[in-house]
Amino acid sequence: MKANIVDLRYKMKDVLKALNRRERVEIVYRGRAKGVIIPVSEQTQKIVKKHPLFGLLKEDKKSVKKVMDELRGERYVV
């Protein structure tokens, strides 16, 4: 499916239906392709759920700053 900026703004429901049908949506601006929206695969959804920040505050009682510092590691070696 090809969609222009107006379609994205006013016909987003049609764009989402195309993605539900597993179609790629090509974004066109002034007659030229600018990008592609691709449907999320089942494998991609599983990868997102495994990310360390997914559900950060749900089970973890540490502060966000502390968790971020642990994930980043030390920036400078003294």
Protein backbone atom coordinates (compact mmCIF):
# COMPACT_ATOMS: atom_id res chain seq x y z
CA MET A 1 0.00 0.00 0.00
CA LYS A 2 1.17 3.53 -0.70
CA ALA A 3 0.13 6.34 1.62
CA ASN A 4 0.85 10.03 1.52
CA ILE A 5 0.89 12.50 4.41
CA VAL A 6 -2.84 13.21 4.08
CA ASP A 7 -3.59 9.49 4.29
CA LEU A 8 -1.53 9.20 7.45
CA ARG A 9 -3.41 12.07 9.02
CA TYR A 10 -6.98 11.42 7.95
CA LYS A 11 -7.04 7.74 6.94
CA MET A 12 -4.90 6.15 9.63
CA LYS A 13 -7.58 3.49 10.13
CA ASP A 14 -6.98 2.27 6.56
CA VAL A 15 -3.22 2.24 7.14
CA LEU A 16 -3.66 0.17 10.31
CA LYS A 17 -5.95 -2.25 8.46
CA ALA A 18 -3.24 -2.73 5.83
CA LEU A 19 -0.72 -3.47 8.56
CA ASN A 20 -3.16 -5.99 10.09
CA ARG A 21 -3.23 -7.69 6.69
CA ARG A 22 0.60 -7.91 6.99
CA GLU A 23 1.12 -5.39 4.14
CA ARG A 24 4.01 -2.97 3.99
CA VAL A 25 2.98 0.69 3.81
CA GLU A 26 5.18 2.94 1.70
CA ILE A 27 5.14 6.61 2.75
CA VAL A 28 5.17 8.98 -0.21
CA TYR A 29 5.82 12.72 0.02
CA ARG A 30 5.55 14.88 -3.11
CA GLY A 31 5.69 11.81 -5.30
CA ARG A 32 8.86 10.37 -3.78
CA ALA A 33 9.16 7.47 -1.38
CA LYS A 34 10.31 8.65 2.06
CA GLY A 35 9.97 5.52 4.17
CA VAL A 36 8.27 2.23 4.83
CA ILE A 37 6.11 1.06 7.73
CA ILE A 38 6.35 -2.69 8.16
CA PRO A 39 4.10 -4.87 10.32
CA VAL A 40 5.55 -6.22 13.55
CA SER A 41 6.33 -9.91 13.43
CA GLU A 42 5.73 -12.29 16.31
CA GLN A 43 9.50 -12.69 16.72
CA THR A 44 9.99 -8.92 17.08
CA GLN A 45 7.35 -8.73 19.81
CA LYS A 46 9.17 -11.42 21.79
CA ILE A 47 12.45 -9.52 21.52
CA VAL A 48 10.85 -6.36 22.89
CA LYS A 49 9.48 -8.23 25.91
CA LYS A 50 12.98 -9.51 26.74
CA HIS A 51 14.46 -6.00 26.84
CA PRO A 52 15.76 -5.13 30.35
CA LEU A 53 13.69 -1.94 30.58
CA PHE A 54 10.38 -3.61 29.67
CA GLY A 55 8.22 -3.65 32.80
CA LEU A 56 10.92 -1.89 34.78
CA LEU A 57 8.79 -0.63 37.65
CA LYS A 58 6.34 -3.52 37.71
CA GLU A 59 8.51 -5.92 39.72
CA ASP A 60 11.62 -3.93 40.54
CA LYS A 61 11.50 -1.67 43.58
CA LYS A 62 14.83 0.04 42.81
CA SER A 63 14.86 3.64 41.69
CA VAL A 64 14.95 4.27 37.97
CA LYS A 65 18.26 6.11 38.33
CA LYS A 66 19.88 3.14 40.08
CA VAL A 67 18.66 0.67 37.44
CA MET A 68 19.84 2.93 34.61
CA ASP A 69 23.25 3.30 36.25
CA GLU A 70 23.53 -0.51 36.53
CA LEU A 71 22.57 -1.00 32.87
CA ARG A 72 24.93 1.68 31.60
CA GLY A 73 27.89 0.64 33.71
CA GLU A 74 30.66 2.98 34.67
CA ARG A 75 31.44 5.67 32.14
CA TYR A 76 34.88 6.56 33.40
CA VAL A 77 37.60 4.41 34.86
CA VAL A 78 39.28 6.22 37.74
